[in-house]
Amino acid sequence: MISLPLFRDGVCGKHGQTTFYRTGGCVQCHKARASTPAALAAKRAYHKTPSARAAKAAAAKTPEARAKRYARKRQRMTVPEIRVSELVAVARRRGRRTGVPCDFSLTDLLPLPTHCAVLGIVIDYATYAIGRRDGPSIDRIVNGQGYVRGNVRVISLRANRLKSDGTPAELMAVALDSQK
C-alpha cells in the first residue's frame, strides 16, 4: 500500500513537487496510487461490466439523486458572485447562439450593485428562484452593441423584462399613465 507523503508549504514531502491534484497528492503520487493492483482491477471490472455503468447511471436519475443535486445547486447559488457568474455563462452561450458579440466577464460587473439602477429596488442575490422579479439579470444598455465591456450591467429581472418588451414610446405612455 502506498502511503500519502507529508505536504508542507505546498510541497510534496516525498517527491518535492508543487503541482497537486484536487484529491490530494502530487502528480507522481497520483500516478503511483492509480497503478496499484487494486486500482487497476477496479478499473478493469468497471469497464468490463456494462451493468455496473448502467447501475451508476440509473442511480443518478433517481428522484433522491436529483433532489440532492438541486439542493447543492440552490446552496451554491446563494453566493452573489457565483449566481452572477452563472448569468454571465448563460449570456455568453446566448451570444454564441445568436451571433451577438460577447467579450465581458464577471470582473467587469464587480462590485455587484445592491439596488437596481432602473427601478431602485433591492436586488435579492440570496434567494434562488427562476423568474423571481427582484433577482439579478444582466442587461445590455444598448442592445445593438451586444454583451461587451461597458455595455453590460446588473439590474433586477423585473426592470430587464420591462425594457425588453416595450419601445421608448410605450414605456413613456405607461409611465405617464401610472402618474394619473
N, C-alpha and C. Protein backbone atom coordinates (compact mmCIF):
# COMPACT_ATOMS: atom_id res chain seq x y z
N MET A 1 0.85 -1.19 0.00
CA MET A 1 0.00 0.00 0.00
C MET A 1 0.88 1.24 0.00
N ILE A 2 0.45 2.23 -0.73
CA ILE A 2 1.21 3.47 -0.84
C ILE A 2 0.70 4.46 0.19
N SER A 3 1.60 4.99 0.97
CA SER A 3 1.20 5.97 1.97
C SER A 3 1.30 7.37 1.36
N LEU A 4 0.41 8.24 1.84
CA LEU A 4 0.43 9.62 1.36
C LEU A 4 1.62 10.34 1.96
N PRO A 5 2.38 11.09 1.15
CA PRO A 5 3.52 11.83 1.68
C PRO A 5 3.05 13.04 2.49
N LEU A 6 3.96 13.59 3.26
CA LEU A 6 3.65 14.79 4.02
C LEU A 6 3.70 16.01 3.11
N PHE A 7 2.75 16.91 3.28
CA PHE A 7 2.71 18.13 2.48
C PHE A 7 2.95 19.31 3.41
N ARG A 8 4.03 20.03 3.13
CA ARG A 8 4.34 21.20 3.93
C ARG A 8 4.58 22.37 3.01
N ASP A 9 3.92 23.47 3.27
CA ASP A 9 4.08 24.69 2.48
C ASP A 9 3.83 24.45 1.00
N GLY A 10 2.90 23.55 0.68
CA GLY A 10 2.54 23.30 -0.71
C GLY A 10 3.56 22.50 -1.49
N VAL A 11 4.43 21.77 -0.81
CA VAL A 11 5.45 20.96 -1.47
C VAL A 11 5.28 19.52 -1.01
N CYS A 12 5.31 18.58 -1.95
CA CYS A 12 5.19 17.16 -1.63
C CYS A 12 6.44 16.73 -0.87
N GLY A 13 6.24 16.09 0.29
CA GLY A 13 7.36 15.66 1.10
C GLY A 13 8.11 14.48 0.52
N LYS A 14 7.49 13.76 -0.40
CA LYS A 14 8.12 12.58 -0.98
C LYS A 14 8.84 12.89 -2.28
N HIS A 15 8.23 13.74 -3.13
CA HIS A 15 8.78 14.00 -4.45
C HIS A 15 9.23 15.44 -4.67
N GLY A 16 8.84 16.35 -3.80
CA GLY A 16 9.27 17.74 -3.92
C GLY A 16 8.51 18.55 -4.96
N GLN A 17 7.41 18.01 -5.47
CA GLN A 17 6.64 18.73 -6.49
C GLN A 17 5.66 19.71 -5.86
N THR A 18 5.29 20.73 -6.62
CA THR A 18 4.34 21.71 -6.12
C THR A 18 3.00 21.64 -6.85
N THR A 19 2.86 20.79 -7.85
CA THR A 19 1.61 20.62 -8.58
C THR A 19 0.80 19.51 -7.93
N PHE A 20 -0.43 19.82 -7.51
CA PHE A 20 -1.24 18.87 -6.79
C PHE A 20 -2.56 18.61 -7.50
N TYR A 21 -3.12 17.43 -7.30
CA TYR A 21 -4.46 17.09 -7.74
C TYR A 21 -5.44 17.51 -6.65
N ARG A 22 -6.70 17.70 -7.04
CA ARG A 22 -7.71 18.07 -6.06
C ARG A 22 -7.91 16.97 -5.02
N THR A 23 -7.71 15.73 -5.41
CA THR A 23 -7.89 14.62 -4.49
C THR A 23 -6.75 14.49 -3.50
N GLY A 24 -5.69 15.24 -3.69
CA GLY A 24 -4.54 15.20 -2.79
C GLY A 24 -3.39 14.44 -3.41
N GLY A 25 -2.20 14.94 -3.25
CA GLY A 25 -1.02 14.28 -3.79
C GLY A 25 -0.50 14.97 -5.02
N CYS A 26 0.81 14.81 -5.21
CA CYS A 26 1.43 15.39 -6.40
C CYS A 26 1.18 14.46 -7.59
N VAL A 27 1.69 14.83 -8.75
CA VAL A 27 1.46 14.06 -9.96
C VAL A 27 2.02 12.65 -9.82
N GLN A 28 3.22 12.52 -9.29
CA GLN A 28 3.84 11.19 -9.14
C GLN A 28 3.09 10.35 -8.12
N CYS A 29 2.64 10.95 -7.01
CA CYS A 29 1.86 10.21 -6.01
C CYS A 29 0.55 9.72 -6.62
N HIS A 30 -0.09 10.58 -7.41
CA HIS A 30 -1.36 10.23 -8.05
C HIS A 30 -1.17 9.06 -9.01
N LYS A 31 -0.12 9.11 -9.83
CA LYS A 31 0.15 8.01 -10.77
C LYS A 31 0.44 6.72 -10.03
N ALA A 32 1.17 6.81 -8.92
CA ALA A 32 1.51 5.61 -8.15
C ALA A 32 0.25 4.98 -7.55
N ARG A 33 -0.68 5.81 -7.04
CA ARG A 33 -1.92 5.28 -6.48
C ARG A 33 -2.79 4.67 -7.57
N ALA A 34 -2.83 5.29 -8.75
CA ALA A 34 -3.67 4.80 -9.83
C ALA A 34 -3.16 3.51 -10.44
N SER A 35 -1.89 3.20 -10.25
CA SER A 35 -1.33 2.00 -10.86
C SER A 35 -1.19 0.84 -9.88
N THR A 36 -1.80 0.94 -8.70
CA THR A 36 -1.77 -0.19 -7.77
C THR A 36 -2.61 -1.32 -8.32
N PRO A 37 -2.33 -2.55 -7.96
CA PRO A 37 -3.12 -3.68 -8.47
C PRO A 37 -4.62 -3.55 -8.17
N ALA A 38 -4.96 -3.04 -6.99
CA ALA A 38 -6.38 -2.89 -6.64
C ALA A 38 -7.06 -1.85 -7.52
N ALA A 39 -6.37 -0.73 -7.77
CA ALA A 39 -6.95 0.32 -8.60
C ALA A 39 -7.12 -0.16 -10.04
N LEU A 40 -6.13 -0.87 -10.56
CA LEU A 40 -6.23 -1.38 -11.93
C LEU A 40 -7.32 -2.43 -12.05
N ALA A 41 -7.48 -3.30 -11.05
CA ALA A 41 -8.53 -4.31 -11.09
C ALA A 41 -9.91 -3.66 -11.06
N ALA A 42 -10.07 -2.62 -10.24
CA ALA A 42 -11.36 -1.92 -10.17
C ALA A 42 -11.68 -1.26 -11.50
N LYS A 43 -10.68 -0.67 -12.15
CA LYS A 43 -10.89 -0.02 -13.44
C LYS A 43 -11.30 -1.05 -14.50
N ARG A 44 -10.61 -2.20 -14.52
CA ARG A 44 -10.95 -3.25 -15.49
C ARG A 44 -12.36 -3.78 -15.26
N ALA A 45 -12.72 -3.99 -14.00
CA ALA A 45 -14.04 -4.52 -13.68
C ALA A 45 -15.13 -3.54 -14.09
N TYR A 46 -14.88 -2.26 -13.89
CA TYR A 46 -15.89 -1.25 -14.24
C TYR A 46 -16.11 -1.23 -15.75
N HIS A 47 -15.03 -1.29 -16.51
CA HIS A 47 -15.17 -1.19 -17.95
C HIS A 47 -15.64 -2.50 -18.59
N LYS A 48 -15.46 -3.62 -17.90
CA LYS A 48 -15.91 -4.90 -18.45
C LYS A 48 -17.41 -5.09 -18.30
N THR A 49 -17.97 -4.56 -17.23
CA THR A 49 -19.38 -4.83 -16.96
C THR A 49 -20.23 -3.62 -17.30
N PRO A 50 -20.96 -3.70 -18.40
CA PRO A 50 -21.85 -2.59 -18.73
C PRO A 50 -22.95 -2.41 -17.70
N SER A 51 -23.27 -3.50 -16.98
CA SER A 51 -24.32 -3.38 -15.97
C SER A 51 -23.89 -2.45 -14.83
N ALA A 52 -22.59 -2.41 -14.53
CA ALA A 52 -22.11 -1.50 -13.48
C ALA A 52 -22.28 -0.05 -13.92
N ARG A 53 -21.95 0.23 -15.18
CA ARG A 53 -22.15 1.59 -15.70
C ARG A 53 -23.63 1.94 -15.74
N ALA A 54 -24.45 0.99 -16.17
CA ALA A 54 -25.90 1.24 -16.24
C ALA A 54 -26.47 1.46 -14.84
N ALA A 55 -25.99 0.70 -13.87
CA ALA A 55 -26.47 0.87 -12.50
C ALA A 55 -26.10 2.24 -11.95
N LYS A 56 -24.88 2.68 -12.26
CA LYS A 56 -24.44 4.01 -11.80
C LYS A 56 -25.27 5.10 -12.47
N ALA A 57 -25.54 4.96 -13.77
CA ALA A 57 -26.34 5.95 -14.49
C ALA A 57 -27.77 5.96 -13.98
N ALA A 58 -28.32 4.77 -13.70
CA ALA A 58 -29.69 4.69 -13.19
C ALA A 58 -29.78 5.31 -11.80
N ALA A 59 -28.76 5.11 -10.98
CA ALA A 59 -28.77 5.67 -9.63
C ALA A 59 -28.74 7.19 -9.68
N ALA A 60 -28.10 7.77 -10.69
CA ALA A 60 -28.03 9.23 -10.81
C ALA A 60 -29.36 9.82 -11.23
N LYS A 61 -30.26 8.99 -11.79
CA LYS A 61 -31.55 9.50 -12.26
C LYS A 61 -32.67 9.34 -11.26
N THR A 62 -32.38 8.82 -10.10
CA THR A 62 -33.43 8.63 -9.10
C THR A 62 -33.88 9.99 -8.56
N PRO A 63 -35.12 10.06 -8.07
CA PRO A 63 -35.60 11.33 -7.51
C PRO A 63 -34.73 11.84 -6.36
N GLU A 64 -34.19 10.92 -5.56
CA GLU A 64 -33.35 11.34 -4.44
C GLU A 64 -32.06 11.98 -4.93
N ALA A 65 -31.47 11.39 -5.98
CA ALA A 65 -30.24 11.95 -6.53
C ALA A 65 -30.49 13.31 -7.17
N ARG A 66 -31.61 13.42 -7.88
CA ARG A 66 -31.96 14.73 -8.48
C ARG A 66 -32.16 15.78 -7.40
N ALA A 67 -32.87 15.41 -6.33
CA ALA A 67 -33.12 16.36 -5.24
C ALA A 67 -31.81 16.79 -4.59
N LYS A 68 -30.89 15.85 -4.45
CA LYS A 68 -29.59 16.17 -3.84
C LYS A 68 -28.80 17.13 -4.72
N ARG A 69 -28.79 16.88 -6.06
CA ARG A 69 -28.08 17.78 -6.98
C ARG A 69 -28.71 19.17 -6.98
N TYR A 70 -30.04 19.23 -6.98
CA TYR A 70 -30.73 20.53 -6.98
C TYR A 70 -30.46 21.28 -5.68
N ALA A 71 -30.42 20.56 -4.55
CA ALA A 71 -30.13 21.22 -3.26
C ALA A 71 -28.73 21.80 -3.26
N ARG A 72 -27.76 21.07 -3.85
CA ARG A 72 -26.39 21.60 -3.94
C ARG A 72 -26.36 22.85 -4.80
N LYS A 73 -27.12 22.83 -5.92
CA LYS A 73 -27.14 23.99 -6.80
C LYS A 73 -27.78 25.19 -6.09
N ARG A 74 -28.87 24.96 -5.39
CA ARG A 74 -29.53 26.05 -4.66
C ARG A 74 -28.60 26.65 -3.61
N GLN A 75 -27.85 25.80 -2.92
CA GLN A 75 -26.93 26.29 -1.90
C GLN A 75 -25.82 27.11 -2.54
N ARG A 76 -25.30 26.62 -3.68
CA ARG A 76 -24.23 27.33 -4.37
C ARG A 76 -24.72 28.67 -4.91
N MET A 77 -25.96 28.73 -5.36
CA MET A 77 -26.48 29.94 -5.98
C MET A 77 -26.81 31.05 -5.00
N THR A 78 -26.68 30.80 -3.71
CA THR A 78 -26.93 31.88 -2.75
C THR A 78 -25.74 32.81 -2.61
N VAL A 79 -24.59 32.44 -3.17
CA VAL A 79 -23.42 33.31 -3.17
C VAL A 79 -23.55 34.26 -4.37
N PRO A 80 -23.60 35.57 -4.13
CA PRO A 80 -23.86 36.51 -5.24
C PRO A 80 -22.91 36.37 -6.42
N GLU A 81 -21.62 36.23 -6.16
CA GLU A 81 -20.66 36.16 -7.27
C GLU A 81 -20.87 34.90 -8.11
N ILE A 82 -21.19 33.79 -7.46
CA ILE A 82 -21.43 32.55 -8.19
C ILE A 82 -22.70 32.66 -9.02
N ARG A 83 -23.73 33.28 -8.44
CA ARG A 83 -25.00 33.43 -9.16
C ARG A 83 -24.82 34.29 -10.40
N VAL A 84 -24.10 35.40 -10.27
CA VAL A 84 -23.89 36.27 -11.42
C VAL A 84 -22.96 35.62 -12.43
N SER A 85 -21.99 34.81 -11.96
CA SER A 85 -21.12 34.12 -12.91
C SER A 85 -21.93 33.13 -13.75
N GLU A 86 -22.97 32.52 -13.17
CA GLU A 86 -23.87 31.66 -13.96
C GLU A 86 -24.61 32.48 -15.00
N LEU A 87 -25.05 33.68 -14.62
CA LEU A 87 -25.73 34.56 -15.59
C LEU A 87 -24.79 34.97 -16.72
N VAL A 88 -23.52 35.19 -16.39
CA VAL A 88 -22.53 35.54 -17.41
C VAL A 88 -22.36 34.38 -18.39
N ALA A 89 -22.30 33.15 -17.86
CA ALA A 89 -22.16 31.98 -18.72
C ALA A 89 -23.36 31.82 -19.64
N VAL A 90 -24.56 32.07 -19.12
CA VAL A 90 -25.77 31.98 -19.93
C VAL A 90 -25.75 33.06 -21.02
N ALA A 91 -25.32 34.27 -20.68
CA ALA A 91 -25.25 35.34 -21.66
C ALA A 91 -24.25 35.01 -22.76
N ARG A 92 -23.12 34.40 -22.40
CA ARG A 92 -22.13 34.01 -23.41
C ARG A 92 -22.70 32.96 -24.36
N ARG A 93 -23.39 31.95 -23.78
CA ARG A 93 -24.00 30.93 -24.64
C ARG A 93 -25.04 31.55 -25.57
N ARG A 94 -25.85 32.47 -25.04
CA ARG A 94 -26.86 33.13 -25.86
C ARG A 94 -26.20 33.96 -26.96
N GLY A 95 -25.09 34.62 -26.63
CA GLY A 95 -24.37 35.41 -27.62
C GLY A 95 -23.81 34.55 -28.74
N ARG A 96 -23.24 33.40 -28.38
CA ARG A 96 -22.72 32.49 -29.42
C ARG A 96 -23.84 31.96 -30.30
N ARG A 97 -24.97 31.61 -29.67
CA ARG A 97 -26.10 31.03 -30.41
C ARG A 97 -26.71 32.04 -31.37
N THR A 98 -26.82 33.30 -30.94
CA THR A 98 -27.48 34.31 -31.76
C THR A 98 -26.52 35.15 -32.59
N GLY A 99 -25.21 34.98 -32.40
CA GLY A 99 -24.23 35.74 -33.16
C GLY A 99 -23.98 37.14 -32.62
N VAL A 100 -24.38 37.40 -31.38
CA VAL A 100 -24.17 38.71 -30.75
C VAL A 100 -22.76 38.73 -30.15
N PRO A 101 -21.99 39.81 -30.35
CA PRO A 101 -20.66 39.87 -29.77
C PRO A 101 -20.71 39.79 -28.24
N CYS A 102 -19.77 39.05 -27.67
CA CYS A 102 -19.76 38.85 -26.22
C CYS A 102 -18.32 38.76 -25.74
N ASP A 103 -17.83 39.80 -25.07
CA ASP A 103 -16.46 39.77 -24.54
C ASP A 103 -16.38 40.46 -23.19
N PHE A 104 -17.18 39.98 -22.25
CA PHE A 104 -17.10 40.52 -20.89
C PHE A 104 -17.01 39.36 -19.91
N SER A 105 -16.66 39.68 -18.68
CA SER A 105 -16.54 38.65 -17.66
C SER A 105 -17.15 39.17 -16.36
N LEU A 106 -17.10 38.33 -15.35
CA LEU A 106 -17.66 38.71 -14.05
C LEU A 106 -16.95 39.93 -13.48
N THR A 107 -15.64 40.03 -13.71
CA THR A 107 -14.89 41.16 -13.14
C THR A 107 -15.35 42.50 -13.71
N ASP A 108 -15.93 42.49 -14.92
CA ASP A 108 -16.45 43.73 -15.49
C ASP A 108 -17.70 44.21 -14.77
N LEU A 109 -18.39 43.31 -14.06
CA LEU A 109 -19.62 43.66 -13.37
C LEU A 109 -19.39 43.97 -11.89
N LEU A 110 -18.19 43.68 -11.38
CA LEU A 110 -17.90 43.91 -9.97
C LEU A 110 -17.58 45.37 -9.72
N PRO A 111 -17.91 45.93 -8.58
CA PRO A 111 -18.68 45.37 -7.48
C PRO A 111 -20.16 45.24 -7.86
N LEU A 112 -20.80 44.20 -7.38
CA LEU A 112 -22.20 43.96 -7.71
C LEU A 112 -23.08 44.97 -7.00
N PRO A 113 -24.06 45.54 -7.71
CA PRO A 113 -24.93 46.54 -7.08
C PRO A 113 -25.89 45.89 -6.09
N THR A 114 -26.27 46.64 -5.06
CA THR A 114 -27.25 46.15 -4.10
C THR A 114 -28.66 46.54 -4.52
N HIS A 115 -28.77 47.63 -5.30
CA HIS A 115 -30.07 48.12 -5.76
C HIS A 115 -30.09 48.19 -7.28
N CYS A 116 -31.27 48.03 -7.84
CA CYS A 116 -31.46 48.12 -9.29
C CYS A 116 -31.28 49.57 -9.73
N ALA A 117 -30.49 49.78 -10.77
CA ALA A 117 -30.24 51.14 -11.26
C ALA A 117 -31.47 51.73 -11.94
N VAL A 118 -32.37 50.89 -12.43
CA VAL A 118 -33.55 51.37 -13.16
C VAL A 118 -34.72 51.63 -12.21
N LEU A 119 -35.08 50.65 -11.39
CA LEU A 119 -36.26 50.75 -10.53
C LEU A 119 -35.94 51.14 -9.09
N GLY A 120 -34.70 50.99 -8.67
CA GLY A 120 -34.32 51.35 -7.32
C GLY A 120 -34.67 50.31 -6.27
N ILE A 121 -35.15 49.13 -6.67
CA ILE A 121 -35.49 48.09 -5.71
C ILE A 121 -34.24 47.30 -5.33
N VAL A 122 -34.28 46.64 -4.17
CA VAL A 122 -33.15 45.84 -3.70
C VAL A 122 -33.05 44.57 -4.55
N ILE A 123 -31.86 44.26 -5.04
CA ILE A 123 -31.65 43.04 -5.81
C ILE A 123 -31.35 41.92 -4.83
N ASP A 124 -32.14 40.85 -4.91
CA ASP A 124 -32.00 39.72 -3.99
C ASP A 124 -31.14 38.64 -4.63
N TYR A 125 -29.88 38.56 -4.22
CA TYR A 125 -28.96 37.55 -4.74
C TYR A 125 -29.11 36.23 -3.98
N ALA A 126 -29.61 36.29 -2.74
CA ALA A 126 -29.59 35.11 -1.87
C ALA A 126 -30.67 34.10 -2.21
N THR A 127 -31.83 34.52 -2.69
CA THR A 127 -32.92 33.60 -2.98
C THR A 127 -32.82 33.14 -4.42
N TYR A 128 -32.64 31.84 -4.60
CA TYR A 128 -32.53 31.30 -5.95
C TYR A 128 -33.87 30.75 -6.38
N ALA A 129 -34.54 31.49 -7.24
CA ALA A 129 -35.79 31.04 -7.84
C ALA A 129 -35.84 31.62 -9.24
N ILE A 130 -36.04 30.76 -10.22
CA ILE A 130 -36.07 31.22 -11.60
C ILE A 130 -37.28 32.09 -11.81
N GLY A 131 -37.08 33.26 -12.39
CA GLY A 131 -38.18 34.17 -12.68
C GLY A 131 -38.53 35.09 -11.53
N ARG A 132 -37.76 35.08 -10.45
CA ARG A 132 -38.05 35.97 -9.33
C ARG A 132 -37.80 37.41 -9.76
N ARG A 133 -38.77 38.28 -9.52
CA ARG A 133 -38.73 39.64 -10.07
C ARG A 133 -37.60 40.49 -9.50
N ASP A 134 -37.23 40.25 -8.25
CA ASP A 134 -36.16 41.06 -7.66
C ASP A 134 -34.81 40.37 -7.74
N GLY A 135 -34.70 39.33 -8.53
CA GLY A 135 -33.44 38.64 -8.74
C GLY A 135 -32.56 39.39 -9.72
N PRO A 136 -31.28 39.03 -9.81
CA PRO A 136 -30.38 39.73 -10.72
C PRO A 136 -30.56 39.30 -12.17
N SER A 137 -30.26 40.22 -13.07
CA SER A 137 -30.32 39.94 -14.51
C SER A 137 -29.26 40.79 -15.19
N ILE A 138 -28.67 40.26 -16.25
CA ILE A 138 -27.65 41.01 -16.98
C ILE A 138 -28.33 41.80 -18.09
N ASP A 139 -28.07 43.09 -18.13
CA ASP A 139 -28.72 44.00 -19.07
C ASP A 139 -27.71 44.56 -20.06
N ARG A 140 -28.08 44.56 -21.33
CA ARG A 140 -27.29 45.28 -22.34
C ARG A 140 -27.86 46.70 -22.38
N ILE A 141 -27.05 47.68 -22.11
CA ILE A 141 -27.52 49.06 -22.08
C ILE A 141 -27.98 49.49 -23.47
N VAL A 142 -27.14 49.25 -24.49
CA VAL A 142 -27.51 49.48 -25.88
C VAL A 142 -27.57 48.11 -26.54
N ASN A 143 -28.76 47.68 -26.94
CA ASN A 143 -28.93 46.32 -27.44
C ASN A 143 -28.11 46.02 -28.68
N GLY A 144 -27.90 46.97 -29.54
CA GLY A 144 -27.17 46.73 -30.78
C GLY A 144 -25.69 46.45 -30.60
N GLN A 145 -25.11 46.83 -29.46
CA GLN A 145 -23.68 46.63 -29.24
C GLN A 145 -23.33 45.25 -28.73
N GLY A 146 -24.29 44.52 -28.20
CA GLY A 146 -24.02 43.18 -27.69
C GLY A 146 -23.52 43.19 -26.26
N TYR A 147 -23.02 42.02 -25.84
CA TYR A 147 -22.50 41.84 -24.48
C TYR A 147 -21.02 42.19 -24.46
N VAL A 148 -20.70 43.46 -24.47
CA VAL A 148 -19.31 43.91 -24.47
C VAL A 148 -19.05 44.74 -23.22
N ARG A 149 -17.77 44.89 -22.88
CA ARG A 149 -17.39 45.66 -21.70
C ARG A 149 -17.93 47.08 -21.81
N GLY A 150 -18.49 47.57 -20.72
CA GLY A 150 -19.03 48.92 -20.69
C GLY A 150 -20.47 48.99 -21.15
N ASN A 151 -20.99 47.92 -21.74
CA ASN A 151 -22.37 47.91 -22.22
C ASN A 151 -23.24 46.94 -21.42
N VAL A 152 -22.69 46.34 -20.37
CA VAL A 152 -23.46 45.40 -19.56
C VAL A 152 -23.49 45.87 -18.11
N ARG A 153 -24.57 45.54 -17.45
CA ARG A 153 -24.72 45.87 -16.04
C ARG A 153 -25.71 44.89 -15.41
N VAL A 154 -25.74 44.85 -14.09
CA VAL A 154 -26.68 44.00 -13.37
C VAL A 154 -27.84 44.87 -12.90
N ILE A 155 -29.05 44.49 -13.31
CA ILE A 155 -30.27 45.15 -12.85
C ILE A 155 -31.24 44.07 -12.41
N SER A 156 -32.39 44.47 -11.91
CA SER A 156 -33.38 43.47 -11.48
C SER A 156 -34.03 42.83 -12.71
N LEU A 157 -34.50 41.62 -12.53
CA LEU A 157 -35.15 40.91 -13.63
C LEU A 157 -36.42 41.64 -14.08
N ARG A 158 -37.12 42.25 -13.14
CA ARG A 158 -38.34 42.98 -13.48
C ARG A 158 -38.03 44.16 -14.42
N ALA A 159 -36.98 44.90 -14.10
CA ALA A 159 -36.60 46.04 -14.94
C ALA A 159 -36.15 45.56 -16.32
N ASN A 160 -35.44 44.46 -16.37
CA ASN A 160 -34.96 43.95 -17.66
C ASN A 160 -36.12 43.46 -18.51
N ARG A 161 -37.12 42.86 -17.89
CA ARG A 161 -38.30 42.43 -18.65
C ARG A 161 -39.09 43.63 -19.17
N LEU A 162 -39.21 44.66 -18.36
CA LEU A 162 -39.90 45.86 -18.83
C LEU A 162 -39.16 46.47 -20.02
N LYS A 163 -37.83 46.51 -19.94
CA LYS A 163 -37.05 47.07 -21.04
C LYS A 163 -37.13 46.23 -22.31
N SER A 164 -37.24 44.91 -22.14
CA SER A 164 -37.17 44.03 -23.32
C SER A 164 -38.41 44.09 -24.18
N ASP A 165 -39.56 44.35 -23.59
CA ASP A 165 -40.80 44.26 -24.34
C ASP A 165 -41.26 45.56 -24.99
N GLY A 166 -40.95 46.68 -24.40
CA GLY A 166 -41.55 47.92 -24.87
C GLY A 166 -40.61 48.83 -25.63
N THR A 167 -41.21 49.63 -26.50
CA THR A 167 -40.47 50.68 -27.18
C THR A 167 -40.40 51.88 -26.23
N PRO A 168 -39.50 52.83 -26.48
CA PRO A 168 -39.45 54.01 -25.60
C PRO A 168 -40.79 54.75 -25.52
N ALA A 169 -41.51 54.82 -26.62
CA ALA A 169 -42.81 55.50 -26.60
C ALA A 169 -43.81 54.75 -25.72
N GLU A 170 -43.81 53.41 -25.82
CA GLU A 170 -44.72 52.63 -24.99
C GLU A 170 -44.36 52.75 -23.52
N LEU A 171 -43.07 52.73 -23.21
CA LEU A 171 -42.65 52.87 -21.81
C LEU A 171 -43.02 54.24 -21.26
N MET A 172 -42.90 55.26 -22.10
CA MET A 172 -43.28 56.62 -21.67
C MET A 172 -44.79 56.71 -21.45
N ALA A 173 -45.57 56.06 -22.32
CA ALA A 173 -47.03 56.06 -22.15
C ALA A 173 -47.42 55.36 -20.85
N VAL A 174 -46.76 54.25 -20.53
CA VAL A 174 -47.06 53.54 -19.28
C VAL A 174 -46.66 54.41 -18.10
N ALA A 175 -45.52 55.10 -18.20
CA ALA A 175 -45.09 55.97 -17.09
C ALA A 175 -46.06 57.13 -16.89
N LEU A 176 -46.52 57.74 -17.97
CA LEU A 176 -47.46 58.86 -17.84
C LEU A 176 -48.81 58.37 -17.30
N ASP A 177 -49.24 57.17 -17.73
CA ASP A 177 -50.50 56.62 -17.26
C ASP A 177 -50.43 56.29 -15.78
N SER A 178 -49.29 55.81 -15.31
CA SER A 178 -49.20 55.44 -13.90
C SER A 178 -49.14 56.65 -12.99
N GLN A 179 -48.82 57.85 -13.52
CA GLN A 179 -48.78 59.07 -12.72
C GLN A 179 -50.17 59.68 -12.53
N LYS A 180 -51.15 59.24 -13.31
CA LYS A 180 -52.51 59.81 -13.21
C LYS A 180 -53.18 59.44 -11.92
